[in-house]
Amino acid sequence: MLVSALSLLLGQLNQYIHQADGNALGTVAPTVWGNIAQIDHPEIGTDLENKLVLTVVNVEEEKTLKNGTNVTRNPSGAIEYKNPPLHLNVVVLFAANYRNYETALKRLTQVLSFFQGKQRFTLQNSPGAAVDPMTELSLTMDLLSLSFEEVNHLWGSLGGKQLPFAAYRARLVVIDDRRVLDGGGLVREVTVVGRDATA
């Protein structure tokens, strides 16, 4: 589900940038996903050069939705016990890795404009999404305002070379393996065992 959610975001953002650049049928994706900490790697870094790079920097559990039900009834009427779905908030970084600083700022502005205009993503409002249509997907993007100290820690952990960037929290990515742990039939009769009346 994480890959599906990020693929949806990448596809929609690339469409927006192509249209904003006047190249609606562009073949080169301006936004790619990759580990921005590897921009100096001799092999991987060249794939991230002159690109807007999406990097996952944190995954958080949405604790308010943790206590969901773990009992469901399948179509045949039998009871199934499963662990509740895992609801995640994924912190993603959009870093503009361009040699030309003006181009980097232009791409960063396009990211901010895109998510300002569209904050919620579903399969219904995202035409052309390369995601399994049976997947249930609903993401809301929130811009994170980081302090100077947080920015320093973030880029220090990523190798120290700061680029123009924006950080967003993607809510809620749902992970559900749908693995049945146990099962049984419906309770149709209850027998109460009591003490003997003569006792």
N, C-alpha and C. Protein backbone atom coordinates (compact mmCIF):
# COMPACT_ATOMS: atom_id res chain seq x y z
N MET A 1 0.82 -1.21 0.00
CA MET A 1 0.00 0.00 0.00
C MET A 1 0.86 1.27 0.00
N LEU A 2 2.00 1.20 0.66
CA LEU A 2 2.90 2.36 0.69
C LEU A 2 3.37 2.71 -0.72
N VAL A 3 3.74 1.69 -1.47
CA VAL A 3 4.18 1.91 -2.86
C VAL A 3 3.04 2.48 -3.70
N SER A 4 1.83 1.94 -3.51
CA SER A 4 0.67 2.44 -4.27
C SER A 4 0.40 3.91 -3.95
N ALA A 5 0.46 4.27 -2.67
CA ALA A 5 0.19 5.65 -2.26
C ALA A 5 1.22 6.61 -2.85
N LEU A 6 2.49 6.25 -2.78
CA LEU A 6 3.54 7.14 -3.29
C LEU A 6 3.52 7.19 -4.82
N SER A 7 3.17 6.06 -5.46
CA SER A 7 3.06 6.06 -6.93
C SER A 7 1.95 7.01 -7.38
N LEU A 8 0.85 7.02 -6.65
CA LEU A 8 -0.26 7.92 -6.97
C LEU A 8 0.20 9.37 -6.86
N LEU A 9 0.89 9.72 -5.77
CA LEU A 9 1.38 11.08 -5.59
C LEU A 9 2.35 11.48 -6.69
N LEU A 10 3.30 10.58 -7.00
CA LEU A 10 4.28 10.87 -8.05
C LEU A 10 3.63 11.10 -9.40
N GLY A 11 2.71 10.22 -9.74
CA GLY A 11 2.03 10.34 -11.04
C GLY A 11 1.26 11.64 -11.16
N GLN A 12 0.52 12.00 -10.12
CA GLN A 12 -0.27 13.23 -10.14
C GLN A 12 0.63 14.47 -10.18
N LEU A 13 1.70 14.46 -9.39
CA LEU A 13 2.62 15.61 -9.37
C LEU A 13 3.33 15.77 -10.71
N ASN A 14 3.75 14.67 -11.32
CA ASN A 14 4.42 14.75 -12.63
C ASN A 14 3.47 15.28 -13.70
N GLN A 15 2.20 14.85 -13.66
CA GLN A 15 1.23 15.40 -14.61
C GLN A 15 1.09 16.91 -14.44
N TYR A 16 1.01 17.35 -13.20
CA TYR A 16 0.85 18.78 -12.91
C TYR A 16 2.05 19.58 -13.42
N ILE A 17 3.27 19.08 -13.16
CA ILE A 17 4.47 19.80 -13.58
C ILE A 17 4.57 19.85 -15.09
N HIS A 18 4.26 18.73 -15.77
CA HIS A 18 4.28 18.73 -17.24
C HIS A 18 3.31 19.77 -17.80
N GLN A 19 2.11 19.84 -17.23
CA GLN A 19 1.12 20.82 -17.70
C GLN A 19 1.59 22.24 -17.39
N ALA A 20 2.16 22.46 -16.19
CA ALA A 20 2.64 23.79 -15.82
C ALA A 20 3.79 24.23 -16.72
N ASP A 21 4.60 23.28 -17.18
CA ASP A 21 5.72 23.59 -18.07
C ASP A 21 5.28 23.68 -19.54
N GLY A 22 4.00 23.43 -19.82
CA GLY A 22 3.51 23.47 -21.20
C GLY A 22 3.88 22.24 -21.99
N ASN A 23 4.15 21.15 -21.30
CA ASN A 23 4.56 19.91 -21.96
C ASN A 23 3.69 18.78 -21.41
N ALA A 24 2.40 18.80 -21.76
CA ALA A 24 1.43 17.88 -21.17
C ALA A 24 1.75 16.42 -21.44
N LEU A 25 2.46 16.13 -22.51
CA LEU A 25 2.76 14.73 -22.85
C LEU A 25 4.24 14.42 -22.64
N GLY A 26 4.85 15.07 -21.65
CA GLY A 26 6.28 14.86 -21.39
C GLY A 26 6.60 13.41 -21.08
N THR A 27 7.76 12.98 -21.54
CA THR A 27 8.17 11.58 -21.32
C THR A 27 9.16 11.44 -20.19
N VAL A 28 9.87 12.51 -19.85
CA VAL A 28 10.85 12.46 -18.77
C VAL A 28 10.19 12.93 -17.49
N ALA A 29 10.15 12.07 -16.49
CA ALA A 29 9.50 12.42 -15.22
C ALA A 29 10.36 13.40 -14.45
N PRO A 30 9.83 14.59 -14.14
CA PRO A 30 10.62 15.55 -13.36
C PRO A 30 10.76 15.14 -11.90
N THR A 31 9.81 14.31 -11.41
CA THR A 31 9.84 13.85 -10.02
C THR A 31 10.07 12.35 -9.99
N VAL A 32 11.04 11.94 -9.19
CA VAL A 32 11.34 10.51 -9.03
C VAL A 32 11.42 10.22 -7.53
N TRP A 33 11.31 8.95 -7.19
CA TRP A 33 11.55 8.64 -5.79
C TRP A 33 12.92 8.02 -5.65
N GLY A 34 13.52 8.34 -4.54
CA GLY A 34 14.87 7.85 -4.27
C GLY A 34 15.33 8.36 -2.92
N ASN A 35 16.44 7.86 -2.48
CA ASN A 35 17.01 8.28 -1.21
C ASN A 35 17.91 9.48 -1.45
N ILE A 36 17.47 10.66 -1.03
CA ILE A 36 18.22 11.88 -1.29
C ILE A 36 19.58 11.86 -0.60
N ALA A 37 19.74 11.00 0.40
CA ALA A 37 21.04 10.88 1.07
C ALA A 37 22.09 10.26 0.15
N GLN A 38 21.65 9.69 -0.98
CA GLN A 38 22.59 9.02 -1.89
C GLN A 38 22.92 9.85 -3.12
N ILE A 39 22.72 11.16 -3.04
CA ILE A 39 22.98 11.99 -4.23
C ILE A 39 24.46 12.03 -4.61
N ASP A 40 25.34 11.73 -3.67
CA ASP A 40 26.78 11.71 -3.98
C ASP A 40 27.28 10.32 -4.34
N HIS A 41 26.39 9.32 -4.31
CA HIS A 41 26.78 7.96 -4.68
C HIS A 41 27.10 7.93 -6.17
N PRO A 42 28.24 7.34 -6.57
CA PRO A 42 28.65 7.39 -7.98
C PRO A 42 27.66 6.77 -8.96
N GLU A 43 26.90 5.75 -8.54
CA GLU A 43 25.96 5.11 -9.46
C GLU A 43 24.55 5.64 -9.30
N ILE A 44 24.08 5.73 -8.05
CA ILE A 44 22.69 6.13 -7.79
C ILE A 44 22.49 7.62 -8.00
N GLY A 45 23.50 8.41 -7.63
CA GLY A 45 23.37 9.87 -7.69
C GLY A 45 23.03 10.42 -9.06
N THR A 46 23.53 9.78 -10.12
CA THR A 46 23.26 10.28 -11.47
C THR A 46 21.78 10.14 -11.83
N ASP A 47 21.09 9.14 -11.27
CA ASP A 47 19.66 8.97 -11.53
C ASP A 47 18.83 10.06 -10.85
N LEU A 48 19.39 10.68 -9.81
CA LEU A 48 18.67 11.71 -9.05
C LEU A 48 19.07 13.12 -9.46
N GLU A 49 20.01 13.23 -10.40
CA GLU A 49 20.52 14.54 -10.80
C GLU A 49 19.49 15.29 -11.64
N ASN A 50 19.34 16.58 -11.35
CA ASN A 50 18.38 17.44 -12.04
C ASN A 50 16.97 16.87 -11.97
N LYS A 51 16.60 16.44 -10.78
CA LYS A 51 15.27 15.88 -10.53
C LYS A 51 14.72 16.44 -9.23
N LEU A 52 13.43 16.35 -9.11
CA LEU A 52 12.75 16.57 -7.84
C LEU A 52 12.65 15.19 -7.21
N VAL A 53 13.23 15.00 -6.04
CA VAL A 53 13.36 13.66 -5.45
C VAL A 53 12.43 13.52 -4.25
N LEU A 54 11.58 12.49 -4.29
CA LEU A 54 10.70 12.17 -3.18
C LEU A 54 11.38 11.11 -2.32
N THR A 55 11.57 11.41 -1.04
CA THR A 55 12.21 10.50 -0.10
C THR A 55 11.31 10.33 1.11
N VAL A 56 11.10 9.08 1.54
CA VAL A 56 10.38 8.83 2.78
C VAL A 56 11.37 9.02 3.92
N VAL A 57 11.06 9.94 4.86
CA VAL A 57 11.98 10.20 5.97
C VAL A 57 11.45 9.70 7.31
N ASN A 58 10.15 9.38 7.38
CA ASN A 58 9.62 8.86 8.64
C ASN A 58 8.28 8.19 8.39
N VAL A 59 7.99 7.18 9.19
CA VAL A 59 6.70 6.49 9.16
C VAL A 59 6.18 6.47 10.59
N GLU A 60 4.96 7.00 10.80
CA GLU A 60 4.38 7.10 12.13
C GLU A 60 3.05 6.36 12.15
N GLU A 61 2.77 5.69 13.26
CA GLU A 61 1.46 5.06 13.42
C GLU A 61 0.46 6.10 13.89
N GLU A 62 -0.74 6.09 13.31
CA GLU A 62 -1.83 6.96 13.75
C GLU A 62 -2.51 6.28 14.92
N LYS A 63 -2.12 6.67 16.13
CA LYS A 63 -2.56 5.95 17.33
C LYS A 63 -4.03 6.12 17.62
N THR A 64 -4.65 7.20 17.15
CA THR A 64 -6.07 7.41 17.43
C THR A 64 -6.95 6.36 16.76
N LEU A 65 -6.44 5.69 15.72
CA LEU A 65 -7.21 4.67 15.02
C LEU A 65 -6.72 3.26 15.31
N LYS A 66 -5.89 3.13 16.36
CA LYS A 66 -5.26 1.84 16.63
C LYS A 66 -6.24 0.81 17.17
N ASN A 67 -7.24 1.23 17.92
CA ASN A 67 -8.12 0.29 18.59
C ASN A 67 -9.36 -0.06 17.76
N GLY A 68 -9.15 -0.40 16.53
CA GLY A 68 -10.27 -0.79 15.68
C GLY A 68 -10.72 -2.21 15.99
N THR A 69 -11.84 -2.58 15.41
CA THR A 69 -12.37 -3.92 15.64
C THR A 69 -11.53 -4.96 14.93
N ASN A 70 -11.44 -6.14 15.55
CA ASN A 70 -10.69 -7.22 14.92
C ASN A 70 -11.58 -8.42 14.60
N VAL A 71 -12.90 -8.20 14.65
CA VAL A 71 -13.86 -9.26 14.34
C VAL A 71 -14.71 -8.81 13.17
N THR A 72 -14.79 -9.63 12.13
CA THR A 72 -15.63 -9.32 10.97
C THR A 72 -16.42 -10.56 10.60
N ARG A 73 -17.46 -10.34 9.82
CA ARG A 73 -18.28 -11.44 9.31
C ARG A 73 -18.06 -11.52 7.81
N ASN A 74 -17.66 -12.68 7.33
CA ASN A 74 -17.42 -12.82 5.89
C ASN A 74 -18.76 -13.04 5.17
N PRO A 75 -18.77 -13.03 3.83
CA PRO A 75 -20.03 -13.16 3.09
C PRO A 75 -20.83 -14.43 3.41
N SER A 76 -20.17 -15.50 3.83
CA SER A 76 -20.90 -16.73 4.16
C SER A 76 -21.49 -16.69 5.56
N GLY A 77 -21.21 -15.64 6.31
CA GLY A 77 -21.78 -15.49 7.65
C GLY A 77 -20.88 -15.95 8.77
N ALA A 78 -19.73 -16.54 8.45
CA ALA A 78 -18.81 -17.00 9.49
C ALA A 78 -18.05 -15.81 10.07
N ILE A 79 -17.63 -15.96 11.32
CA ILE A 79 -16.87 -14.92 12.00
C ILE A 79 -15.38 -15.12 11.75
N GLU A 80 -14.67 -14.01 11.48
CA GLU A 80 -13.22 -14.06 11.27
C GLU A 80 -12.56 -13.08 12.22
N TYR A 81 -11.45 -13.51 12.80
CA TYR A 81 -10.67 -12.67 13.69
C TYR A 81 -9.39 -12.26 12.96
N LYS A 82 -9.16 -10.95 12.88
CA LYS A 82 -7.97 -10.42 12.22
C LYS A 82 -7.42 -9.29 13.05
N ASN A 83 -6.15 -9.02 12.90
CA ASN A 83 -5.60 -7.82 13.52
C ASN A 83 -6.18 -6.60 12.81
N PRO A 84 -6.45 -5.51 13.55
CA PRO A 84 -6.98 -4.32 12.90
C PRO A 84 -5.96 -3.73 11.92
N PRO A 85 -6.42 -3.01 10.89
CA PRO A 85 -5.49 -2.41 9.93
C PRO A 85 -4.54 -1.44 10.62
N LEU A 86 -3.38 -1.27 10.02
CA LEU A 86 -2.37 -0.35 10.52
C LEU A 86 -2.51 0.96 9.75
N HIS A 87 -2.82 2.04 10.46
CA HIS A 87 -2.97 3.35 9.84
C HIS A 87 -1.68 4.14 10.04
N LEU A 88 -1.11 4.61 8.95
CA LEU A 88 0.19 5.28 9.00
C LEU A 88 0.11 6.71 8.49
N ASN A 89 0.94 7.54 9.09
CA ASN A 89 1.26 8.85 8.55
C ASN A 89 2.69 8.75 8.04
N VAL A 90 2.88 9.10 6.78
CA VAL A 90 4.20 8.97 6.17
C VAL A 90 4.74 10.37 5.89
N VAL A 91 5.91 10.66 6.45
CA VAL A 91 6.54 11.96 6.22
C VAL A 91 7.43 11.83 4.99
N VAL A 92 7.13 12.64 3.99
CA VAL A 92 7.89 12.60 2.73
C VAL A 92 8.56 13.94 2.49
N LEU A 93 9.71 13.86 1.88
CA LEU A 93 10.52 15.04 1.59
C LEU A 93 10.59 15.20 0.08
N PHE A 94 10.28 16.38 -0.40
CA PHE A 94 10.45 16.70 -1.82
C PHE A 94 11.66 17.62 -1.91
N ALA A 95 12.78 17.10 -2.40
CA ALA A 95 14.02 17.88 -2.48
C ALA A 95 14.34 18.17 -3.94
N ALA A 96 14.60 19.44 -4.24
CA ALA A 96 14.90 19.86 -5.61
C ALA A 96 16.41 19.76 -5.84
N ASN A 97 16.83 18.69 -6.49
CA ASN A 97 18.25 18.41 -6.71
C ASN A 97 18.65 18.89 -8.11
N TYR A 98 18.78 20.22 -8.25
CA TYR A 98 19.13 20.82 -9.54
C TYR A 98 20.41 21.63 -9.42
N ARG A 99 21.21 21.61 -10.48
CA ARG A 99 22.42 22.44 -10.49
C ARG A 99 22.06 23.92 -10.53
N ASN A 100 21.02 24.24 -11.27
CA ASN A 100 20.57 25.63 -11.38
C ASN A 100 19.63 25.94 -10.22
N TYR A 101 20.02 26.88 -9.37
CA TYR A 101 19.24 27.17 -8.16
C TYR A 101 17.86 27.74 -8.51
N GLU A 102 17.77 28.53 -9.56
CA GLU A 102 16.47 29.09 -9.97
C GLU A 102 15.51 27.97 -10.38
N THR A 103 16.01 26.97 -11.10
CA THR A 103 15.18 25.83 -11.48
C THR A 103 14.73 25.06 -10.25
N ALA A 104 15.62 24.91 -9.28
CA ALA A 104 15.27 24.20 -8.04
C ALA A 104 14.14 24.92 -7.33
N LEU A 105 14.21 26.24 -7.24
CA LEU A 105 13.16 27.01 -6.57
C LEU A 105 11.85 26.96 -7.37
N LYS A 106 11.96 26.93 -8.70
CA LYS A 106 10.76 26.81 -9.54
C LYS A 106 10.05 25.49 -9.28
N ARG A 107 10.82 24.39 -9.21
CA ARG A 107 10.22 23.08 -8.94
C ARG A 107 9.61 23.03 -7.54
N LEU A 108 10.29 23.63 -6.57
CA LEU A 108 9.77 23.64 -5.20
C LEU A 108 8.46 24.42 -5.15
N THR A 109 8.38 25.52 -5.88
CA THR A 109 7.15 26.30 -5.95
C THR A 109 6.02 25.49 -6.57
N GLN A 110 6.35 24.69 -7.59
CA GLN A 110 5.34 23.85 -8.23
C GLN A 110 4.81 22.80 -7.26
N VAL A 111 5.68 22.25 -6.41
CA VAL A 111 5.23 21.28 -5.40
C VAL A 111 4.26 21.95 -4.44
N LEU A 112 4.64 23.12 -3.94
CA LEU A 112 3.78 23.85 -2.99
C LEU A 112 2.44 24.22 -3.62
N SER A 113 2.48 24.68 -4.87
CA SER A 113 1.24 25.05 -5.56
C SER A 113 0.35 23.83 -5.80
N PHE A 114 0.97 22.72 -6.17
CA PHE A 114 0.21 21.50 -6.45
C PHE A 114 -0.55 21.04 -5.21
N PHE A 115 0.13 20.94 -4.08
CA PHE A 115 -0.52 20.45 -2.87
C PHE A 115 -1.42 21.50 -2.22
N GLN A 116 -1.22 22.77 -2.55
CA GLN A 116 -2.17 23.78 -2.09
C GLN A 116 -3.48 23.64 -2.84
N GLY A 117 -3.40 23.32 -4.11
CA GLY A 117 -4.59 23.18 -4.93
C GLY A 117 -5.31 21.85 -4.74
N LYS A 118 -4.58 20.83 -4.33
CA LYS A 118 -5.18 19.51 -4.14
C LYS A 118 -4.51 18.85 -2.95
N GLN A 119 -5.25 18.74 -1.85
CA GLN A 119 -4.69 18.17 -0.63
C GLN A 119 -5.11 16.73 -0.40
N ARG A 120 -6.26 16.35 -0.93
CA ARG A 120 -6.78 15.00 -0.69
C ARG A 120 -6.74 14.20 -1.98
N PHE A 121 -6.24 12.97 -1.88
CA PHE A 121 -6.06 12.11 -3.05
C PHE A 121 -6.79 10.79 -2.84
N THR A 122 -7.65 10.45 -3.81
CA THR A 122 -8.31 9.16 -3.84
C THR A 122 -8.20 8.64 -5.27
N LEU A 123 -8.57 7.39 -5.48
CA LEU A 123 -8.57 6.87 -6.85
C LEU A 123 -9.63 7.54 -7.69
N GLN A 124 -10.71 8.00 -7.05
CA GLN A 124 -11.81 8.65 -7.78
C GLN A 124 -11.41 10.04 -8.28
N ASN A 125 -10.60 10.78 -7.50
CA ASN A 125 -10.26 12.14 -7.94
C ASN A 125 -8.87 12.22 -8.56
N SER A 126 -8.27 11.07 -8.86
CA SER A 126 -6.93 11.03 -9.45
C SER A 126 -6.94 10.18 -10.71
N PRO A 127 -7.46 10.72 -11.81
CA PRO A 127 -7.56 9.94 -13.05
C PRO A 127 -6.18 9.54 -13.57
N GLY A 128 -6.14 8.34 -14.13
CA GLY A 128 -4.90 7.85 -14.71
C GLY A 128 -3.93 7.29 -13.69
N ALA A 129 -4.37 7.11 -12.44
CA ALA A 129 -3.49 6.56 -11.41
C ALA A 129 -3.15 5.11 -11.73
N ALA A 130 -1.86 4.79 -11.70
CA ALA A 130 -1.41 3.42 -12.00
C ALA A 130 -1.45 2.58 -10.73
N VAL A 131 -2.66 2.42 -10.18
CA VAL A 131 -2.86 1.69 -8.93
C VAL A 131 -4.01 0.71 -9.15
N ASP A 132 -3.94 -0.44 -8.51
CA ASP A 132 -4.99 -1.44 -8.59
C ASP A 132 -6.32 -0.80 -8.20
N PRO A 133 -7.33 -0.82 -9.09
CA PRO A 133 -8.61 -0.16 -8.79
C PRO A 133 -9.35 -0.75 -7.60
N MET A 134 -8.98 -1.96 -7.17
CA MET A 134 -9.62 -2.57 -6.00
C MET A 134 -9.02 -2.04 -4.69
N THR A 135 -7.93 -1.27 -4.81
CA THR A 135 -7.28 -0.72 -3.63
C THR A 135 -8.09 0.44 -3.08
N GLU A 136 -8.27 0.47 -1.77
CA GLU A 136 -8.91 1.61 -1.13
C GLU A 136 -7.80 2.56 -0.72
N LEU A 137 -7.87 3.79 -1.22
CA LEU A 137 -6.78 4.72 -0.99
C LEU A 137 -7.34 6.10 -0.74
N SER A 138 -6.92 6.73 0.34
CA SER A 138 -7.32 8.10 0.65
C SER A 138 -6.17 8.75 1.40
N LEU A 139 -5.54 9.74 0.78
CA LEU A 139 -4.41 10.43 1.38
C LEU A 139 -4.72 11.91 1.52
N THR A 140 -4.32 12.49 2.63
CA THR A 140 -4.40 13.93 2.82
C THR A 140 -2.99 14.43 3.09
N MET A 141 -2.58 15.47 2.36
CA MET A 141 -1.22 15.98 2.46
C MET A 141 -1.20 17.26 3.30
N ASP A 142 -0.37 17.24 4.35
CA ASP A 142 -0.21 18.40 5.23
C ASP A 142 1.24 18.87 5.16
N LEU A 143 1.43 20.16 4.89
CA LEU A 143 2.78 20.74 4.86
C LEU A 143 3.31 20.82 6.29
N LEU A 144 4.54 20.37 6.49
CA LEU A 144 5.18 20.44 7.80
C LEU A 144 6.05 21.68 7.87
N SER A 145 5.89 22.46 8.91
CA SER A 145 6.73 23.64 9.14
C SER A 145 7.80 23.25 10.15
N LEU A 146 9.01 23.06 9.68
CA LEU A 146 10.10 22.61 10.54
C LEU A 146 10.88 23.81 11.07
N SER A 147 11.32 23.71 12.31
CA SER A 147 12.16 24.76 12.90
C SER A 147 13.57 24.63 12.31
N PHE A 148 14.41 25.66 12.52
CA PHE A 148 15.79 25.60 12.04
C PHE A 148 16.53 24.40 12.65
N GLU A 149 16.25 24.12 13.91
CA GLU A 149 16.89 22.99 14.57
C GLU A 149 16.47 21.67 13.94
N GLU A 150 15.16 21.53 13.66
CA GLU A 150 14.67 20.30 13.02
C GLU A 150 15.23 20.13 11.62
N VAL A 151 15.34 21.25 10.89
CA VAL A 151 15.93 21.19 9.54
C VAL A 151 17.39 20.75 9.63
N ASN A 152 18.09 21.28 10.62
CA ASN A 152 19.50 20.91 10.81
C ASN A 152 19.64 19.42 11.12
N HIS A 153 18.78 18.90 12.00
CA HIS A 153 18.83 17.47 12.33
C HIS A 153 18.47 16.61 11.11
N LEU A 154 17.44 17.04 10.37
CA LEU A 154 17.00 16.28 9.20
C LEU A 154 18.12 16.15 8.18
N TRP A 155 18.70 17.28 7.78
CA TRP A 155 19.73 17.22 6.75
C TRP A 155 21.03 16.64 7.27
N GLY A 156 21.27 16.76 8.59
CA GLY A 156 22.43 16.10 9.17
C GLY A 156 22.32 14.59 9.06
N SER A 157 21.10 14.06 9.27
CA SER A 157 20.90 12.61 9.15
C SER A 157 20.92 12.16 7.69
N LEU A 158 20.67 13.09 6.76
CA LEU A 158 20.66 12.74 5.34
C LEU A 158 22.01 13.00 4.66
N GLY A 159 23.00 13.40 5.42
CA GLY A 159 24.33 13.59 4.84
C GLY A 159 24.82 15.01 4.88
N GLY A 160 23.98 15.93 5.29
CA GLY A 160 24.45 17.29 5.53
C GLY A 160 24.38 18.25 4.36
N LYS A 161 24.07 17.81 3.15
CA LYS A 161 24.02 18.71 2.00
C LYS A 161 22.58 19.15 1.79
N GLN A 162 22.24 20.34 2.29
CA GLN A 162 20.85 20.80 2.22
C GLN A 162 20.50 21.32 0.84
N LEU A 163 19.31 20.96 0.39
CA LEU A 163 18.77 21.39 -0.89
C LEU A 163 17.45 22.11 -0.64
N PRO A 164 16.96 22.90 -1.59
CA PRO A 164 15.60 23.45 -1.45
C PRO A 164 14.61 22.29 -1.32
N PHE A 165 13.74 22.34 -0.30
CA PHE A 165 12.88 21.19 -0.02
C PHE A 165 11.57 21.63 0.62
N ALA A 166 10.61 20.70 0.60
CA ALA A 166 9.37 20.83 1.35
C ALA A 166 9.07 19.46 1.95
N ALA A 167 8.64 19.46 3.20
CA ALA A 167 8.29 18.21 3.88
C ALA A 167 6.78 18.17 4.08
N TYR A 168 6.20 17.01 3.78
CA TYR A 168 4.75 16.82 3.93
C TYR A 168 4.47 15.56 4.73
N ARG A 169 3.36 15.61 5.46
CA ARG A 169 2.86 14.41 6.13
C ARG A 169 1.70 13.88 5.30
N ALA A 170 1.82 12.64 4.83
CA ALA A 170 0.74 11.99 4.07
C ALA A 170 -0.09 11.17 5.05
N ARG A 171 -1.35 11.56 5.24
CA ARG A 171 -2.26 10.82 6.12
C ARG A 171 -3.36 10.22 5.26
N LEU A 172 -3.86 9.15 5.41
CA LEU A 172 -3.50 7.99 6.20
C LEU A 172 -3.24 6.88 5.21
N VAL A 173 -2.10 6.29 5.31
CA VAL A 173 -1.80 5.11 4.50
C VAL A 173 -2.22 3.90 5.33
N VAL A 174 -3.07 3.05 4.75
CA VAL A 174 -3.60 1.90 5.49
C VAL A 174 -2.90 0.63 5.04
N ILE A 175 -2.34 -0.08 5.99
CA ILE A 175 -1.72 -1.38 5.72
C ILE A 175 -2.63 -2.45 6.31
N ASP A 176 -3.14 -3.32 5.47
CA ASP A 176 -4.04 -4.38 5.94
C ASP A 176 -3.72 -5.66 5.18
N ASP A 177 -3.09 -6.60 5.87
CA ASP A 177 -2.70 -7.87 5.26
C ASP A 177 -3.91 -8.79 5.05
N ARG A 178 -5.01 -8.51 5.76
CA ARG A 178 -6.25 -9.29 5.69
C ARG A 178 -6.03 -10.77 6.05
N ARG A 179 -5.02 -11.02 6.87
CA ARG A 179 -4.73 -12.39 7.29
C ARG A 179 -5.69 -12.80 8.40
N VAL A 180 -6.40 -13.91 8.20
CA VAL A 180 -7.35 -14.39 9.20
C VAL A 180 -6.59 -15.19 10.24
N LEU A 181 -6.71 -14.77 11.51
CA LEU A 181 -6.02 -15.44 12.60
C LEU A 181 -6.81 -16.61 13.16
N ASP A 182 -8.13 -16.47 13.17
CA ASP A 182 -8.99 -17.50 13.74
C ASP A 182 -10.38 -17.28 13.16
N GLY A 183 -11.25 -18.24 13.34
CA GLY A 183 -12.60 -18.08 12.83
C GLY A 183 -13.55 -19.02 13.52
N GLY A 184 -14.80 -18.90 13.14
CA GLY A 184 -15.82 -19.75 13.73
C GLY A 184 -17.17 -19.37 13.20
N GLY A 185 -18.17 -20.12 13.60
CA GLY A 185 -19.53 -19.83 13.16
C GLY A 185 -20.19 -18.81 14.06
N LEU A 186 -21.38 -18.43 13.71
CA LEU A 186 -22.15 -17.49 14.51
C LEU A 186 -22.66 -18.17 15.77
N VAL A 187 -22.78 -17.39 16.84
CA VAL A 187 -23.37 -17.91 18.07
C VAL A 187 -24.87 -17.91 17.89
N ARG A 188 -25.48 -19.10 17.91
CA ARG A 188 -26.92 -19.20 17.67
C ARG A 188 -27.69 -19.60 18.93
N GLU A 189 -26.99 -20.13 19.93
CA GLU A 189 -27.68 -20.58 21.13
C GLU A 189 -26.75 -20.40 22.32
N VAL A 190 -27.31 -19.96 23.44
CA VAL A 190 -26.54 -19.79 24.67
C VAL A 190 -27.13 -20.69 25.73
N THR A 191 -26.32 -21.51 26.35
CA THR A 191 -26.77 -22.38 27.43
C THR A 191 -26.19 -21.85 28.73
N VAL A 192 -27.08 -21.61 29.70
CA VAL A 192 -26.64 -21.11 30.99
C VAL A 192 -26.56 -22.29 31.95
N VAL A 193 -25.40 -22.49 32.54
CA VAL A 193 -25.21 -23.57 33.49
C VAL A 193 -25.24 -22.92 34.86
N GLY A 194 -26.23 -23.32 35.69
CA GLY A 194 -26.38 -22.75 37.03
C GLY A 194 -26.23 -23.78 38.10
N ARG A 195 -26.35 -23.33 39.35
CA ARG A 195 -26.25 -24.26 40.48
C ARG A 195 -27.54 -25.08 40.59
N ASP A 196 -27.41 -26.23 41.10
CA ASP A 196 -28.57 -27.09 41.34
C ASP A 196 -29.51 -26.43 42.34
N ALA A 197 -30.80 -26.39 42.06
CA ALA A 197 -31.78 -25.72 42.90
C ALA A 197 -31.88 -26.34 44.29
N THR A 198 -31.51 -27.62 44.42
CA THR A 198 -31.61 -28.28 45.74
C THR A 198 -30.40 -28.01 46.60
N ALA A 199 -29.35 -27.45 46.02
CA ALA A 199 -28.13 -27.24 46.79
C ALA A 199 -28.29 -26.12 47.79
